[in-house]
Amino acid sequence: MCGGFTCSKNTLVGLNVIYILVSFLMIGVAVHGKVSGIVTSLPIVGGITACGVFLLMISVIGLIGAVRHHQVLLFFYMVVLFLIFLIQFSCSCAALAINEGDEIKLIKSAWKTAETKSPSLVIQAEQTFDCCGLGLGEDNIPYLEPTAADQNFTIANDVFKNYPDADCYHAANTSMNTDCHTCYSHISDKVNSGFNAAGGLGLFFSFTELFGGIVAARYRNLLDPFASGPAGAPFAGGM
C-alpha cells in the first residue's frame, strides 16, 4: 500500500536523487557559464554554485536518512526542507506579484549600481542587446532615443568598437544611427518573463519540498517492518 514504509522510503529516495541531479546541473551551468564567458560576474557564478552545493548537501543528508531510516538525519532534513519551502514560496509569490513600476525601480537600481561598481556588466548588456543607455529618466518614464550622456558612456568605454555592423555603433563627433534605441525597450519584456518563469518554477519546486518534508515526517514515525527487534522482545522482527 502506498503510504506505507516501503513506499515512503522509495518516494524519499527518488525525490532526493532528483534533487542531486538538479544540484549537479546548477553547478555545471555555473562553471560552463564562467568558462565560456557567458557569465562574467563572479558573485553570480558563486551564488549559483553555492546554491547547488547547498542543495547537494541537503539531498545527500535526506538520501542517507531515507536509506538508513536515521531519525536524527530525517528530523534535520525535514526541518531544513520546511524552512526552504517557506523562503522559496514567499520569494516565488513576490516574483509573480511584482508590477511594472517595481520592475522599473529594480532595473534602474541594478543598472546604476552596475555603472559605478561593475561597468563591464553594462558594457556586456549593451553589446548583447545592441542598445545604448538604460532609457529611464529621473521620473522613471521610459524613452527610446539615447541621450548625450548615454552616448558619451558608450563612446568612452568603446562598447561597439569591435562591432562596426551594430545599430548603435558610432565614432566620436558623429551622429548615432536612428535605429539605435535604449536598452530598456529590449530588456523590459525579458525581465518580466524572467520574473514570471522564476516565480512559477520556484512555486512548483516549493511544493515538492513541502511534499518531501511531509513524507519525511511520516516516514520518520513509521516502524521498520524489516528491522530486528531487541533480543527477547515479543514479536521481534515480525510485523
Protein backbone atom coordinates (compact mmCIF):
# COMPACT_ATOMS: atom_id res chain seq x y z
CA MET A 1 0.00 0.00 0.00
CA CYS A 2 1.37 3.43 -0.96
CA GLY A 3 1.89 5.50 2.16
CA GLY A 4 3.45 2.59 3.99
CA PHE A 5 7.07 2.17 4.99
CA THR A 6 8.43 0.93 1.66
CA CYS A 7 6.50 3.42 -0.47
CA SER A 8 7.54 6.36 1.72
CA LYS A 9 11.15 5.23 1.62
CA ASN A 10 11.19 4.86 -2.17
CA THR A 11 9.49 8.24 -2.60
CA LEU A 12 12.10 9.99 -0.46
CA VAL A 13 14.95 8.22 -2.24
CA GLY A 14 13.59 9.17 -5.67
CA LEU A 15 12.96 12.79 -4.63
CA ASN A 16 16.48 13.21 -3.30
CA VAL A 17 18.04 11.59 -6.36
CA ILE A 18 16.22 14.20 -8.46
CA TYR A 19 17.50 16.97 -6.16
CA ILE A 20 21.06 15.64 -6.51
CA LEU A 21 20.77 15.71 -10.31
CA VAL A 22 19.41 19.28 -10.16
CA SER A 23 22.29 20.36 -7.89
CA PHE A 24 24.87 18.92 -10.31
CA LEU A 25 23.06 20.71 -13.14
CA MET A 26 23.24 24.04 -11.28
CA ILE A 27 26.95 23.62 -10.55
CA GLY A 28 27.63 22.57 -14.16
CA VAL A 29 25.72 25.54 -15.58
CA ALA A 30 27.62 27.96 -13.34
CA VAL A 31 31.02 26.51 -14.30
CA HIS A 32 30.12 26.39 -18.00
CA GLY A 33 28.89 30.00 -17.91
CA LYS A 34 32.15 31.16 -16.33
CA VAL A 35 34.47 29.11 -18.55
CA SER A 36 32.69 30.04 -21.79
CA GLY A 37 32.48 33.71 -20.84
CA ILE A 38 28.67 33.82 -20.93
CA VAL A 39 28.61 34.98 -17.31
CA THR A 40 31.48 37.21 -16.25
CA SER A 41 30.25 38.23 -12.80
CA LEU A 42 31.92 36.21 -10.05
CA PRO A 43 29.14 36.90 -7.48
CA ILE A 44 26.54 35.43 -9.86
CA VAL A 45 28.66 32.34 -10.55
CA GLY A 46 29.47 31.98 -6.86
CA GLY A 47 25.81 32.32 -5.86
CA ILE A 48 24.61 29.67 -8.30
CA THR A 49 27.44 27.33 -7.27
CA ALA A 50 26.72 27.85 -3.57
CA CYS A 51 23.03 27.07 -4.09
CA GLY A 52 23.97 23.91 -5.98
CA VAL A 53 26.37 22.78 -3.25
CA PHE A 54 23.80 23.50 -0.53
CA LEU A 55 21.10 21.56 -2.39
CA LEU A 56 23.56 18.68 -2.90
CA MET A 57 24.38 18.58 0.82
CA ILE A 58 20.71 18.57 1.89
CA SER A 59 19.88 15.92 -0.73
CA VAL A 60 22.67 13.62 0.45
CA ILE A 61 21.51 14.02 4.06
CA GLY A 62 17.95 13.18 3.02
CA LEU A 63 19.09 10.22 0.94
CA ILE A 64 21.17 8.72 3.77
CA GLY A 65 18.37 9.35 6.25
CA ALA A 66 15.84 7.64 3.98
CA VAL A 67 18.02 4.59 3.21
CA ARG A 68 19.08 4.03 6.82
CA HIS A 69 15.85 5.27 8.43
CA HIS A 70 18.02 7.55 10.58
CA GLN A 71 15.85 9.53 12.99
CA VAL A 72 18.22 12.46 13.55
CA LEU A 73 19.06 12.95 9.86
CA LEU A 74 15.40 12.74 8.87
CA PHE A 75 14.43 15.31 11.52
CA PHE A 76 17.17 17.70 10.39
CA TYR A 77 16.22 17.11 6.76
CA MET A 78 12.51 17.82 7.19
CA VAL A 79 13.15 20.97 9.29
CA VAL A 80 15.57 22.40 6.70
CA LEU A 81 13.24 21.43 3.86
CA PHE A 82 10.32 23.18 5.55
CA LEU A 83 12.38 26.36 6.07
CA ILE A 84 13.46 26.29 2.41
CA PHE A 85 9.81 25.87 1.44
CA LEU A 86 8.80 28.97 3.40
CA ILE A 87 11.57 31.10 1.87
CA GLN A 88 11.10 29.83 -1.68
CA PHE A 89 7.30 30.07 -1.53
CA SER A 90 7.50 33.68 -0.30
CA CYS A 91 10.06 34.69 -2.95
CA SER A 92 8.08 32.97 -5.71
CA CYS A 93 4.86 34.74 -4.75
CA ALA A 94 6.73 38.06 -4.64
CA ALA A 95 8.21 37.42 -8.10
CA LEU A 96 4.79 36.64 -9.55
CA ALA A 97 3.14 39.62 -7.84
CA ILE A 98 5.67 42.25 -8.93
CA ASN A 99 4.21 45.02 -11.09
CA GLU A 100 5.69 47.17 -13.86
CA GLY A 101 6.54 50.03 -11.52
CA ASP A 102 8.51 47.75 -9.22
CA GLU A 103 10.30 46.21 -12.21
CA ILE A 104 11.34 49.65 -13.42
CA LYS A 105 12.74 50.54 -9.97
CA LEU A 106 14.67 47.26 -9.76
CA ILE A 107 16.09 47.58 -13.28
CA LYS A 108 17.12 51.19 -12.73
CA SER A 109 18.71 50.45 -9.36
CA ALA A 110 20.65 47.48 -10.75
CA TRP A 111 21.79 49.47 -13.79
CA LYS A 112 23.00 52.44 -11.73
CA THR A 113 24.84 50.13 -9.34
CA ALA A 114 26.49 48.29 -12.23
CA GLU A 115 27.57 51.57 -13.85
CA THR A 116 29.50 52.60 -10.74
CA LYS A 117 30.72 49.26 -9.37
CA SER A 118 30.89 46.96 -12.39
CA PRO A 119 30.79 48.82 -15.73
CA SER A 120 31.67 45.62 -17.57
CA LEU A 121 28.13 44.35 -16.91
CA VAL A 122 26.63 47.44 -18.56
CA ILE A 123 29.02 47.12 -21.49
CA GLN A 124 28.12 43.45 -21.91
CA ALA A 125 24.39 44.26 -21.77
CA GLU A 126 24.72 46.98 -24.44
CA GLN A 127 26.72 44.68 -26.68
CA THR A 128 24.27 41.79 -26.23
CA PHE A 129 21.12 43.80 -26.96
CA ASP A 130 22.75 46.33 -29.32
CA CYS A 131 21.45 49.28 -27.32
CA CYS A 132 22.74 52.49 -25.77
CA GLY A 133 21.92 53.63 -22.26
CA LEU A 134 19.20 52.40 -19.95
CA GLY A 135 16.34 54.55 -21.22
CA LEU A 136 14.72 55.54 -17.92
CA GLY A 137 14.53 59.19 -16.92
CA GLU A 138 14.63 60.70 -13.44
CA ASP A 139 10.86 60.26 -13.22
CA ASN A 140 11.20 56.60 -14.31
CA ILE A 141 9.44 57.30 -17.61
CA PRO A 142 10.98 55.23 -20.45
CA TYR A 143 12.45 56.91 -23.54
CA LEU A 144 13.67 55.34 -26.79
CA GLU A 145 16.29 57.73 -28.14
CA PRO A 146 19.66 57.64 -26.30
CA THR A 147 20.64 60.89 -24.61
CA ALA A 148 24.01 62.60 -24.89
CA ALA A 149 25.07 61.08 -21.56
CA ASP A 150 24.15 57.59 -22.83
CA GLN A 151 26.18 58.12 -25.99
CA ASN A 152 29.15 59.50 -24.07
CA PHE A 153 29.30 56.38 -21.88
CA THR A 154 29.21 54.15 -24.97
CA ILE A 155 31.95 56.11 -26.71
CA ALA A 156 34.14 56.46 -23.60
CA ASN A 157 34.07 52.69 -22.97
CA ASP A 158 34.45 51.66 -26.66
CA VAL A 159 31.37 49.46 -26.30
CA PHE A 160 30.90 48.89 -30.04
CA LYS A 161 34.50 49.35 -31.14
CA ASN A 162 34.67 45.75 -32.40
CA TYR A 163 31.07 45.72 -33.70
CA PRO A 164 31.01 48.07 -36.69
CA ASP A 165 27.81 46.49 -38.03
CA ALA A 166 25.84 47.14 -34.85
CA ASP A 167 22.99 49.65 -34.96
CA CYS A 168 24.48 51.58 -32.05
CA TYR A 169 28.00 51.75 -33.46
CA HIS A 170 29.24 55.30 -33.96
CA ALA A 171 32.52 57.14 -33.72
CA ALA A 172 33.13 60.28 -31.74
CA ASN A 173 31.74 63.54 -33.17
CA THR A 174 29.28 61.62 -35.36
CA SER A 175 25.53 61.24 -35.06
CA MET A 176 24.10 57.95 -33.86
CA ASN A 177 22.09 55.67 -36.11
CA THR A 178 18.35 56.29 -35.78
CA ASP A 179 17.80 52.54 -35.42
CA CYS A 180 19.71 52.55 -32.14
CA HIS A 181 17.44 52.51 -29.09
CA THR A 182 17.89 52.41 -25.34
CA CYS A 183 18.24 49.12 -23.51
CA TYR A 184 15.00 49.27 -21.52
CA SER A 185 12.99 48.72 -24.69
CA HIS A 186 14.92 45.48 -25.22
CA ILE A 187 15.10 44.09 -21.69
CA SER A 188 11.72 45.03 -20.17
CA ASP A 189 9.87 42.06 -21.70
CA LYS A 190 12.74 39.71 -20.86
CA VAL A 191 12.81 40.86 -17.24
CA ASN A 192 9.04 40.42 -16.96
CA SER A 193 9.14 36.93 -18.47
CA GLY A 194 12.12 36.12 -16.24
CA PHE A 195 10.18 37.07 -13.10
CA ASN A 196 7.18 35.01 -14.23
CA ALA A 197 9.32 31.99 -15.12
CA ALA A 198 11.33 32.16 -11.90
CA GLY A 199 8.19 32.63 -9.81
CA GLY A 200 6.31 29.79 -11.47
CA LEU A 201 9.24 27.39 -11.34
CA GLY A 202 10.04 28.33 -7.76
CA LEU A 203 6.41 27.85 -6.75
CA PHE A 204 6.36 24.39 -8.33
CA PHE A 205 9.56 23.25 -6.61
CA SER A 206 8.48 24.76 -3.29
CA PHE A 207 5.51 22.37 -3.21
CA THR A 208 7.81 19.44 -3.97
CA GLU A 209 9.84 20.49 -0.90
CA LEU A 210 6.68 20.66 1.21
CA PHE A 211 5.70 17.22 -0.08
CA GLY A 212 9.18 15.88 0.74
CA GLY A 213 9.01 17.32 4.26
CA ILE A 214 5.59 15.74 4.88
CA VAL A 215 6.74 12.36 3.57
CA ALA A 216 9.92 12.57 5.68
CA ALA A 217 7.90 13.37 8.81
CA ARG A 218 5.54 10.44 8.14
CA TYR A 219 8.37 8.06 7.24
CA ARG A 220 10.30 9.01 10.39
CA ASN A 221 7.42 7.90 12.60
CA LEU A 222 6.88 4.57 10.85
CA LEU A 223 8.29 1.34 12.24
CA ASP A 224 10.68 -0.55 10.02
CA PRO A 225 8.99 -3.89 9.33
CA PHE A 226 12.31 -5.40 8.25
CA ALA A 227 14.28 -4.40 11.36
CA SER A 228 15.01 -6.91 14.09
CA GLY A 229 13.58 -6.05 17.49
CA PRO A 230 15.58 -6.11 20.73
CA ALA A 231 16.70 -9.51 21.92
CA GLY A 232 13.99 -11.22 23.93
CA ALA A 233 11.31 -8.76 22.87
CA PRO A 234 7.93 -10.25 21.99
CA PHE A 235 7.11 -10.35 18.27
CA ALA A 236 10.74 -9.38 17.45
CA GLY A 237 11.19 -8.84 13.75
CA GLY A 238 7.54 -9.56 12.98
CA MET A 239 5.09 -7.11 11.52
